[in-house]
Amino acid sequence: MSNKLTLSASDRIAALLDDSSFVEVGSYVTARSTDFNMQETDTPKDGVITGYGVINGKLVYVYSQDASVLGGAIGEMHAKKISKIYDMAMKVGAPVVGLIDCAGLRLQEATDAMNAFGEVYLKQTLASGVIPQITAIFGTCGGGAALIPTLTDFTFMTKEGSKLFVNSPNALDGNNSAKLDTASADYLSNNTSLVDFVCEDDGQLLAQVRTLVDILPSNNTDDEVAECADDLNRIIPNLDGFADDARAVLQNVADGNLFIEVNKDYEKGMVVGFIKLNGATIGCVANQAKDGGAMVTADGAMVAADFVKFCDAFSIPVLTLVNVKGFVATVDNEKVIADAVAKLTYSYADATVPKVTLVMGDAFGTAYTVMNSKSIGADVVYAWPCAKIGTMDPEMAVKIMYEKEIAAADDKTAKVAELKKAYVELQSSAIAAAKRGYIDDIIEPDATRKRLVAVFDMLYTKNEDRPYKKHGAV
């Protein structure tokens, strides 16, 4: 049984989809195996309800595991039902939403169940980048089943009751669930990038899934644009006061002030998520300087890289907000930072969707270069007047460049200030970068929304050819 008294498998589907829109597929399927007297066990629908319906009028396919049937364990026919839903979804170009409450592999079916897992993995792999895949975990999702949400694009968990693990906490050497619950939503959302959204209960989770499905395209060729009720020329006074709070900037510029943030708890210094501008979905990546994002971590770079890859796969334009000074300097971070930043660089450079960057504050060194600068393929780069763009903090730069002159000065503080002012004007200001063509325009912060709406509208028909290759290897 499910480890939480919550909505039933059918109730979850009813709450997820528009009223009376669900059409079940495979309702008469039961287990085929007769080993271990399985024929004497009642397995209605073989433990999973499958079918299709609509969310705000948008077609989606859904499967919901029933923990009252053999604990929701996946067997041969159970997996075949899920695989069939994937086949149908890919044919018509519609998202798949999986509602998980699963005891893992069905032991009574042994190798048939093992093969069944593989068939589901294969369908998920084929669907990746073709249709959005969303998983919501309500109960247990352990062992081989843990790969199912990991192979999807977005994963939801509830704070209480849902568990995601390959090895249970009690199976880890020196650990138990009371000591450290490595399967809990709290642990996973704060320590891994596996969980994108953590919700209070089933109702909130299903409502958030509906919101996410609504903002995402149905497939990788979908170009539908919704109507925009917000003022396209809306002025936002004092927006530059939020230069260190990218989350607030995104909420302010978005249609209806709606920002759907992904992986909010994992790496707080790198903000990723979705907004709409003039009705079009935009993927957003931003340095959250307020929460330490002025120094990029390996985790932050990996989260951003994966998000940009998803956006590119589904032709979602990317907006990048920059306020960055460099990379975090710790022993642990140093082990993986080069690889993570290389993947971020590759994701941006490889993406052919419209790419716009706004420098809100600092933009220093390689950390700025890899945040979708002009040099790695940004289509348009804007800056606020207060932006500083250069190799490093201007004061540090002049102290290195003019060490002897500063040492010989009677008033060293005044000398540093004098040299810093000259250096900023010559090398580190938004004006200096714009004169060299690295910034396309310097925009007033209060006009940010209307300028972003206009530039993404201009880039709507972008078509960029790349050298032929099967795929990259970074």
Protein backbone atom coordinates (compact mmCIF):
# COMPACT_ATOMS: atom_id res chain seq x y z
CA MET A 1 0.00 0.00 0.00
CA SER A 2 1.01 3.63 -0.37
CA ASN A 3 2.93 4.93 2.61
CA LYS A 4 0.64 7.95 2.81
CA LEU A 5 -3.13 8.19 3.08
CA THR A 6 -3.74 10.40 0.10
CA LEU A 7 -5.63 10.55 -3.18
CA SER A 8 -6.22 7.28 -5.01
CA ALA A 9 -4.64 6.61 -8.40
CA SER A 10 -7.87 7.51 -10.19
CA ASP A 11 -8.50 10.56 -8.01
CA ARG A 12 -5.06 11.93 -8.92
CA ILE A 13 -5.90 11.70 -12.60
CA ALA A 14 -9.26 13.40 -12.03
CA ALA A 15 -7.58 16.23 -10.10
CA LEU A 16 -4.86 16.65 -12.74
CA LEU A 17 -7.01 16.80 -15.86
CA ASP A 18 -9.85 19.06 -16.93
CA ASP A 19 -13.25 17.84 -15.71
CA SER A 20 -14.52 14.68 -17.40
CA SER A 21 -11.74 14.74 -20.02
CA PHE A 22 -9.96 11.48 -19.12
CA VAL A 23 -10.19 8.59 -21.58
CA GLU A 24 -8.74 5.34 -20.25
CA VAL A 25 -6.62 3.04 -22.40
CA GLY A 26 -6.02 -0.62 -21.46
CA SER A 27 -8.56 -0.79 -18.67
CA TYR A 28 -8.99 -4.59 -19.02
CA VAL A 29 -5.29 -5.47 -18.88
CA THR A 30 -4.23 -7.73 -16.00
CA ALA A 31 -1.06 -9.63 -15.12
CA ARG A 32 -0.14 -12.42 -17.57
CA SER A 33 2.26 -14.36 -15.34
CA THR A 34 1.09 -17.56 -13.62
CA ASP A 35 4.30 -18.22 -11.67
CA PHE A 36 4.00 -18.35 -7.86
CA ASN A 37 0.22 -18.81 -8.28
CA MET A 38 -0.10 -15.26 -9.63
CA GLN A 39 -3.31 -16.29 -11.41
CA GLU A 40 -4.97 -16.42 -8.00
CA THR A 41 -4.08 -12.78 -7.29
CA ASP A 42 -6.45 -10.09 -8.53
CA THR A 43 -4.48 -7.46 -10.47
CA PRO A 44 -7.03 -4.99 -11.89
CA LYS A 45 -5.48 -2.83 -14.63
CA ASP A 46 -2.22 -4.53 -13.58
CA GLY A 47 -1.63 -1.78 -11.04
CA VAL A 48 -1.55 1.24 -13.36
CA ILE A 49 -4.26 3.41 -14.89
CA THR A 50 -3.29 4.76 -18.33
CA GLY A 51 -4.97 7.09 -20.80
CA TYR A 52 -5.24 10.66 -22.02
CA GLY A 53 -7.11 13.88 -21.36
CA VAL A 54 -6.58 17.62 -21.46
CA ILE A 55 -5.11 20.31 -19.20
CA ASN A 56 -6.55 23.73 -20.00
CA GLY A 57 -7.49 22.29 -23.37
CA LYS A 58 -3.99 20.87 -24.06
CA LEU A 59 -3.77 17.14 -24.81
CA VAL A 60 -1.67 15.12 -22.35
CA TYR A 61 -1.10 11.42 -21.74
CA VAL A 62 -1.02 10.16 -18.18
CA TYR A 63 -0.35 7.03 -16.18
CA SER A 64 -1.09 6.66 -12.48
CA GLN A 65 0.23 3.75 -10.45
CA ASP A 66 -2.14 2.06 -8.02
CA ALA A 67 -0.36 1.04 -4.80
CA SER A 68 -3.38 -1.04 -3.77
CA VAL A 69 -2.42 -3.59 -6.47
CA LEU A 70 0.76 -5.41 -5.45
CA GLY A 71 2.14 -2.18 -4.05
CA GLY A 72 2.14 -0.60 -7.52
CA ALA A 73 5.09 -2.86 -8.44
CA ILE A 74 6.03 -2.84 -12.13
CA GLY A 75 5.55 -6.10 -14.00
CA GLU A 76 5.39 -7.06 -17.66
CA MET A 77 1.88 -5.85 -18.52
CA HIS A 78 2.12 -2.84 -16.22
CA ALA A 79 5.17 -1.66 -18.18
CA LYS A 80 3.59 -2.45 -21.54
CA LYS A 81 0.68 -0.16 -20.69
CA ILE A 82 3.09 2.68 -19.90
CA SER A 83 5.09 1.97 -23.07
CA LYS A 84 1.90 2.11 -25.15
CA ILE A 85 1.06 5.52 -23.71
CA TYR A 86 4.52 6.74 -24.70
CA ASP A 87 4.07 5.42 -28.24
CA MET A 88 0.75 7.22 -28.59
CA ALA A 89 2.12 10.46 -27.08
CA MET A 90 5.08 10.55 -29.46
CA LYS A 91 2.86 9.91 -32.48
CA VAL A 92 0.61 12.88 -31.73
CA GLY A 93 3.17 15.11 -30.00
CA ALA A 94 1.74 15.43 -26.49
CA PRO A 95 3.39 15.49 -23.02
CA VAL A 96 3.44 12.45 -20.73
CA VAL A 97 2.74 12.85 -17.02
CA GLY A 98 3.58 9.91 -14.74
CA LEU A 99 2.00 9.73 -11.28
CA ILE A 100 4.25 7.41 -9.28
CA ASP A 101 3.48 5.24 -6.26
CA CYS A 102 5.52 2.11 -6.85
CA ALA A 103 7.09 -0.69 -4.84
CA GLY A 104 9.66 -1.23 -7.58
CA LEU A 105 10.21 -4.38 -9.61
CA ARG A 106 7.56 -7.11 -9.31
CA LEU A 107 9.52 -10.00 -7.82
CA GLN A 108 6.99 -12.63 -8.85
CA GLU A 109 7.70 -11.87 -12.51
CA ALA A 110 11.51 -11.81 -12.20
CA THR A 111 13.15 -11.48 -15.64
CA ASP A 112 9.86 -10.45 -17.27
CA ALA A 113 9.72 -7.52 -14.85
CA MET A 114 13.40 -6.68 -15.46
CA ASN A 115 12.79 -6.57 -19.19
CA ALA A 116 9.69 -4.46 -18.56
CA PHE A 117 11.78 -1.83 -16.78
CA GLY A 118 14.14 -1.70 -19.75
CA GLU A 119 11.27 -1.20 -22.18
CA VAL A 120 10.02 1.80 -20.21
CA TYR A 121 13.55 3.27 -20.06
CA LEU A 122 13.85 2.89 -23.84
CA LYS A 123 10.56 4.70 -24.49
CA GLN A 124 11.60 7.53 -22.16
CA THR A 125 14.93 7.87 -23.95
CA LEU A 126 13.27 7.99 -27.36
CA ALA A 127 10.81 10.59 -26.11
CA SER A 128 13.51 12.83 -24.59
CA GLY A 129 13.65 16.10 -26.50
CA VAL A 130 10.53 15.17 -28.49
CA ILE A 131 7.77 15.59 -25.89
CA PRO A 132 7.93 16.98 -22.34
CA GLN A 133 8.03 14.29 -19.66
CA ILE A 134 6.88 15.06 -16.13
CA THR A 135 6.93 12.76 -13.11
CA ALA A 136 5.10 13.29 -9.82
CA ILE A 137 6.00 11.05 -6.87
CA PHE A 138 3.29 10.48 -4.26
CA GLY A 139 4.51 7.37 -2.46
CA THR A 140 7.52 5.11 -2.96
CA CYS A 141 9.76 5.25 -6.02
CA GLY A 142 12.70 2.97 -5.31
CA GLY A 143 15.28 0.72 -6.89
CA GLY A 144 15.03 0.53 -10.68
CA ALA A 145 11.91 2.69 -10.59
CA ALA A 146 14.10 5.60 -9.44
CA LEU A 147 15.44 5.87 -13.00
CA ILE A 148 11.96 6.68 -14.33
CA PRO A 149 11.74 10.20 -12.86
CA THR A 150 15.45 10.75 -13.48
CA LEU A 151 14.93 10.14 -17.21
CA THR A 152 12.11 12.69 -17.35
CA ASP A 153 12.43 16.46 -17.67
CA PHE A 154 10.78 17.55 -14.41
CA THR A 155 10.13 15.77 -11.14
CA PHE A 156 7.67 16.71 -8.39
CA MET A 157 7.54 15.31 -4.85
CA THR A 158 5.36 15.94 -1.82
CA LYS A 159 7.03 16.98 1.43
CA GLU A 160 5.59 14.06 3.35
CA GLY A 161 5.08 10.53 2.11
CA SER A 162 6.99 10.56 -1.18
CA LYS A 163 10.30 8.69 -1.33
CA LEU A 164 12.84 8.51 -4.15
CA PHE A 165 15.88 6.23 -3.86
CA VAL A 166 18.02 3.61 -5.55
CA ASN A 167 19.12 2.18 -2.19
CA SER A 168 16.89 2.88 0.80
CA PRO A 169 18.38 4.95 3.66
CA ASN A 170 18.47 1.84 5.87
CA ALA A 171 20.59 -0.02 3.28
CA LEU A 172 23.39 2.56 3.39
CA ASP A 173 26.37 1.69 5.58
CA GLY A 174 26.12 3.38 8.97
CA ASN A 175 22.83 5.07 8.16
CA ASN A 176 19.11 4.74 8.78
CA SER A 177 16.11 6.84 7.82
CA ALA A 178 15.83 8.32 11.31
CA LYS A 179 19.43 9.49 11.14
CA LEU A 180 19.37 10.80 7.55
CA ASP A 181 16.45 10.21 5.24
CA THR A 182 18.25 10.26 1.89
CA ALA A 183 15.00 9.34 0.13
CA SER A 184 12.99 12.34 1.35
CA ALA A 185 11.94 15.30 -0.76
CA ASP A 186 13.71 17.66 1.63
CA TYR A 187 17.06 15.87 1.36
CA LEU A 188 16.89 15.39 -2.41
CA SER A 189 15.77 18.92 -3.25
CA ASN A 190 18.53 20.48 -1.14
CA ASN A 191 21.36 18.11 -2.06
CA THR A 192 20.69 16.96 -5.62
CA SER A 193 19.20 18.30 -8.82
CA LEU A 194 16.83 15.32 -9.13
CA VAL A 195 13.76 17.07 -7.70
CA ASP A 196 12.51 20.23 -9.37
CA PHE A 197 9.43 20.99 -7.25
CA VAL A 198 8.53 20.11 -3.67
CA CYS A 199 4.87 20.58 -2.70
CA GLU A 200 2.92 20.53 0.54
CA ASP A 201 0.37 17.92 -0.54
CA ASP A 202 -1.18 16.09 -3.46
CA GLY A 203 -3.53 18.92 -4.32
CA GLN A 204 -0.82 21.56 -4.53
CA LEU A 205 1.41 19.21 -6.51
CA LEU A 206 -1.22 18.44 -9.13
CA ALA A 207 -2.08 22.13 -9.46
CA GLN A 208 1.59 22.95 -10.08
CA VAL A 209 1.86 20.19 -12.67
CA ARG A 210 -1.09 21.77 -14.47
CA THR A 211 0.67 25.15 -14.40
CA LEU A 212 3.89 23.68 -15.78
CA VAL A 213 2.12 21.77 -18.56
CA ASP A 214 0.29 24.95 -19.49
CA ILE A 215 3.50 26.96 -19.96
CA LEU A 216 5.48 24.26 -21.81
CA PRO A 217 5.15 23.47 -25.52
CA SER A 218 3.42 20.20 -26.31
CA ASN A 219 6.36 18.92 -28.36
CA ASN A 220 9.58 19.99 -30.06
CA THR A 221 7.81 21.43 -33.10
CA ASP A 222 5.02 23.26 -31.29
CA ASP A 223 5.02 27.00 -32.03
CA GLU A 224 1.71 27.98 -30.49
CA VAL A 225 1.74 31.39 -28.79
CA ALA A 226 -0.94 32.33 -26.28
CA GLU A 227 -2.59 35.72 -26.02
CA CYS A 228 -1.08 38.24 -23.63
CA ALA A 229 -3.37 40.25 -21.36
CA ASP A 230 -0.52 42.22 -19.77
CA ASP A 231 0.65 45.64 -21.01
CA LEU A 232 3.52 45.05 -23.44
CA ASN A 233 4.92 48.52 -22.73
CA ARG A 234 4.58 48.31 -18.97
CA ILE A 235 7.14 50.50 -17.22
CA ILE A 236 8.71 49.07 -14.05
CA PRO A 237 10.05 51.87 -11.82
CA ASN A 238 13.22 51.25 -9.79
CA LEU A 239 13.84 47.80 -11.30
CA ASP A 240 17.59 48.38 -10.99
CA GLY A 241 17.10 48.19 -7.23
CA PHE A 242 16.72 44.43 -7.75
CA ALA A 243 20.04 43.95 -9.59
CA ASP A 244 21.10 41.44 -6.93
CA ASP A 245 17.72 39.67 -6.92
CA ALA A 246 17.21 38.13 -10.35
CA ARG A 247 14.13 36.27 -9.14
CA ALA A 248 12.40 39.58 -8.42
CA VAL A 249 13.46 40.99 -11.80
CA LEU A 250 11.99 38.00 -13.63
CA GLN A 251 8.73 38.23 -11.70
CA ASN A 252 8.46 41.92 -12.50
CA VAL A 253 9.09 41.65 -16.24
CA ALA A 254 6.96 38.52 -16.83
CA ASP A 255 3.43 38.54 -18.20
CA GLY A 256 1.16 38.64 -15.17
CA ASN A 257 4.26 38.54 -12.92
CA LEU A 258 4.30 34.73 -13.19
CA PHE A 259 7.71 33.05 -12.81
CA ILE A 260 7.83 29.26 -12.54
CA GLU A 261 11.14 28.44 -10.87
CA VAL A 262 12.82 25.06 -11.28
CA ASN A 263 15.25 23.50 -8.74
CA LYS A 264 14.62 26.35 -6.33
CA ASP A 265 16.13 24.65 -3.28
CA TYR A 266 19.21 22.99 -4.74
CA GLU A 267 21.60 25.72 -5.92
CA LYS A 268 20.23 29.03 -4.71
CA GLY A 269 22.88 31.09 -6.49
CA MET A 270 21.67 30.07 -9.96
CA VAL A 271 18.02 30.75 -10.76
CA VAL A 272 16.36 28.88 -13.63
CA GLY A 273 12.72 28.76 -14.70
CA PHE A 274 10.04 29.94 -17.10
CA ILE A 275 8.19 33.19 -17.76
CA LYS A 276 5.99 34.40 -20.58
CA LEU A 277 6.62 37.54 -22.61
CA ASN A 278 3.84 38.62 -24.95
CA GLY A 279 2.35 35.16 -24.47
CA ALA A 280 5.50 33.29 -25.55
CA THR A 281 7.30 30.96 -23.14
CA ILE A 282 10.85 32.04 -22.31
CA GLY A 283 13.43 29.99 -20.39
CA CYS A 284 15.41 32.06 -17.90
CA VAL A 285 18.87 31.58 -16.38
CA ALA A 286 20.18 34.10 -13.87
CA ASN A 287 22.91 34.75 -11.32
CA GLN A 288 21.17 35.28 -7.98
CA ALA A 289 23.82 37.52 -6.39
CA LYS A 290 21.59 38.06 -3.36
CA ASP A 291 21.99 34.37 -2.46
CA GLY A 292 25.65 33.95 -3.34
CA GLY A 293 25.29 33.67 -7.10
CA ALA A 294 27.86 36.34 -7.85
CA MET A 295 30.35 33.47 -7.60
CA VAL A 296 29.34 30.53 -9.80
CA THR A 297 29.51 27.00 -8.37
CA ALA A 298 29.86 23.73 -10.25
CA ASP A 299 26.36 22.75 -9.15
CA GLY A 300 24.95 26.03 -10.42
CA ALA A 301 26.68 25.63 -13.77
CA MET A 302 25.33 22.09 -14.19
CA VAL A 303 21.77 23.13 -13.34
CA ALA A 304 21.96 25.96 -15.87
CA ALA A 305 23.53 23.72 -18.54
CA ASP A 306 20.79 21.09 -18.23
CA PHE A 307 18.10 23.76 -18.32
CA VAL A 308 19.50 25.43 -21.46
CA LYS A 309 19.67 22.01 -23.17
CA PHE A 310 16.00 21.41 -22.37
CA CYS A 311 15.01 24.83 -23.72
CA ASP A 312 16.97 24.30 -26.92
CA ALA A 313 15.43 20.85 -27.45
CA PHE A 314 11.93 22.36 -27.31
CA SER A 315 12.71 25.60 -29.18
CA ILE A 316 12.15 27.74 -26.09
CA PRO A 317 14.07 31.06 -26.31
CA VAL A 318 16.54 31.73 -23.50
CA LEU A 319 16.94 34.91 -21.44
CA THR A 320 20.07 35.22 -19.28
CA LEU A 321 20.40 37.77 -16.48
CA VAL A 322 24.03 38.40 -15.49
CA ASN A 323 25.50 39.65 -12.24
CA VAL A 324 28.67 37.62 -11.72
CA LYS A 325 32.19 38.18 -10.41
CA GLY A 326 33.85 34.76 -10.82
CA PHE A 327 33.88 31.16 -9.65
CA VAL A 328 33.69 29.82 -6.10
CA ALA A 329 37.17 28.93 -4.87
CA THR A 330 37.03 25.83 -2.65
CA VAL A 331 38.79 22.48 -2.81
CA ASP A 332 35.54 20.57 -3.42
CA ASN A 333 34.36 22.98 -6.10
CA GLU A 334 37.75 22.92 -7.83
CA LYS A 335 37.41 19.17 -8.42
CA VAL A 336 34.47 19.63 -10.81
CA ILE A 337 34.15 23.33 -11.73
CA ALA A 338 36.04 23.13 -15.04
CA ASP A 339 33.90 20.24 -16.29
CA ALA A 340 30.67 21.90 -15.15
CA VAL A 341 31.52 25.26 -16.71
CA ALA A 342 32.58 23.55 -19.94
CA LYS A 343 29.14 21.88 -20.11
CA LEU A 344 27.44 25.24 -19.49
CA THR A 345 29.54 26.85 -22.22
CA TYR A 346 28.69 24.04 -24.62
CA SER A 347 24.96 24.20 -23.85
CA TYR A 348 24.81 27.92 -24.60
CA ALA A 349 27.06 27.79 -27.66
CA ASP A 350 25.27 24.76 -29.09
CA ALA A 351 21.77 26.15 -28.60
CA THR A 352 20.17 27.58 -31.76
CA VAL A 353 17.12 29.13 -30.10
CA PRO A 354 16.89 32.93 -29.69
CA LYS A 355 19.33 33.91 -26.92
CA VAL A 356 19.23 37.29 -25.18
CA THR A 357 21.44 38.43 -22.31
CA LEU A 358 20.95 41.34 -19.91
CA VAL A 359 23.88 42.46 -17.76
CA MET A 360 22.34 43.92 -14.60
CA GLY A 361 25.46 44.43 -12.50
CA ASP A 362 28.93 42.91 -12.63
CA ALA A 363 30.12 40.81 -15.57
CA PHE A 364 33.69 39.80 -14.86
CA GLY A 365 36.10 37.40 -16.52
CA THR A 366 35.37 33.89 -17.76
CA ALA A 367 32.38 33.67 -15.44
CA TYR A 368 30.68 36.28 -17.64
CA THR A 369 31.96 34.80 -20.89
CA VAL A 370 30.19 31.49 -20.20
CA MET A 371 26.92 33.15 -19.13
CA ASN A 372 25.79 33.57 -22.75
CA SER A 373 28.06 36.46 -23.67
CA LYS A 374 28.25 37.73 -27.24
CA SER A 375 31.41 35.68 -27.80
CA ILE A 376 29.70 32.29 -27.35
CA GLY A 377 26.65 33.08 -29.42
CA ALA A 378 24.22 35.47 -27.74
CA ASP A 379 22.04 37.07 -30.40
CA VAL A 380 21.50 40.29 -28.45
CA VAL A 381 23.21 41.56 -25.30
CA TYR A 382 21.78 44.46 -23.30
CA ALA A 383 23.19 46.17 -20.23
CA TRP A 384 21.83 48.51 -17.63
CA PRO A 385 23.80 51.79 -17.28
CA CYS A 386 25.26 50.65 -13.93
CA ALA A 387 26.80 47.48 -15.40
CA LYS A 388 30.51 46.79 -15.11
CA ILE A 389 32.01 44.53 -17.76
CA GLY A 390 35.65 43.48 -17.69
CA THR A 391 38.27 40.97 -16.66
CA MET A 392 37.87 41.55 -12.92
CA ASP A 393 36.79 44.07 -10.29
CA PRO A 394 38.24 47.43 -11.44
CA GLU A 395 39.84 48.22 -8.10
CA MET A 396 41.63 44.88 -8.02
CA ALA A 397 42.74 45.37 -11.62
CA VAL A 398 44.36 48.77 -11.02
CA LYS A 399 46.09 47.52 -7.89
CA ILE A 400 47.72 44.81 -9.98
CA MET A 401 48.46 46.97 -13.03
CA TYR A 402 49.72 50.03 -11.15
CA GLU A 403 51.33 48.45 -8.12
CA LYS A 404 54.47 50.63 -8.30
CA GLU A 405 52.61 53.89 -8.94
CA ILE A 406 50.26 53.26 -6.01
CA ALA A 407 53.17 52.35 -3.71
CA ALA A 408 54.95 55.63 -4.61
CA ALA A 409 51.87 57.83 -4.09
CA ASP A 410 51.57 59.98 -0.97
CA ASP A 411 47.82 59.34 -0.77
CA LYS A 412 47.41 55.72 -1.85
CA THR A 413 43.62 55.70 -1.41
CA ALA A 414 43.19 58.75 -3.62
CA LYS A 415 45.55 57.30 -6.21
CA VAL A 416 43.60 54.04 -6.34
CA ALA A 417 40.33 55.97 -6.72
CA GLU A 418 41.81 58.07 -9.54
CA LEU A 419 43.15 55.06 -11.41
CA LYS A 420 39.95 53.10 -10.86
CA LYS A 421 37.81 55.87 -12.36
CA ALA A 422 40.01 56.04 -15.44
CA TYR A 423 40.05 52.24 -15.80
CA VAL A 424 36.26 51.97 -15.56
CA GLU A 425 35.75 54.64 -18.20
CA LEU A 426 38.27 53.03 -20.52
CA GLN A 427 37.69 49.31 -19.99
CA SER A 428 34.96 48.27 -17.53
CA SER A 429 31.84 50.34 -18.14
CA ALA A 430 28.78 49.42 -20.17
CA ILE A 431 29.68 52.27 -22.54
CA ALA A 432 33.21 50.89 -23.04
CA ALA A 433 31.83 47.43 -23.89
CA ALA A 434 29.20 48.88 -26.18
CA LYS A 435 31.83 50.87 -28.12
CA ARG A 436 33.62 47.59 -28.82
CA GLY A 437 30.41 45.88 -29.96
CA TYR A 438 30.18 43.47 -27.01
CA ILE A 439 26.98 45.15 -25.79
CA ASP A 440 24.26 45.87 -28.35
CA ASP A 441 22.46 48.54 -26.35
CA ILE A 442 22.37 50.16 -22.94
CA ILE A 443 18.77 50.19 -21.76
CA GLU A 444 17.04 51.95 -18.91
CA PRO A 445 15.98 49.48 -16.19
CA ASP A 446 12.37 50.71 -16.12
CA ALA A 447 12.04 49.88 -19.85
CA THR A 448 13.39 46.34 -19.47
CA ARG A 449 10.08 44.54 -20.05
CA LYS A 450 9.16 46.31 -23.26
CA ARG A 451 12.70 45.98 -24.65
CA LEU A 452 12.74 42.23 -23.93
CA VAL A 453 9.30 41.77 -25.47
CA ALA A 454 10.46 43.60 -28.59
CA VAL A 455 13.75 41.74 -29.01
CA PHE A 456 12.22 38.27 -28.59
CA ASP A 457 9.50 39.22 -31.09
CA MET A 458 12.27 40.26 -33.50
CA LEU A 459 14.10 36.96 -33.01
CA TYR A 460 10.98 34.81 -33.37
CA THR A 461 11.89 33.62 -36.88
CA LYS A 462 15.58 33.00 -36.12
CA ASN A 463 17.04 30.12 -38.13
CA GLU A 464 20.66 29.16 -37.54
CA ASP A 465 22.48 26.42 -39.44
CA ARG A 466 25.30 24.46 -37.81
CA PRO A 467 27.88 22.00 -39.19
CA TYR A 468 26.45 18.49 -39.55
CA LYS A 469 27.22 16.08 -36.73
CA LYS A 470 25.43 13.21 -35.06
CA HIS A 471 25.74 14.95 -31.68
CA GLY A 472 28.36 16.69 -29.59
CA ALA A 473 30.55 14.87 -27.09
CA VAL A 474 30.82 17.47 -24.28
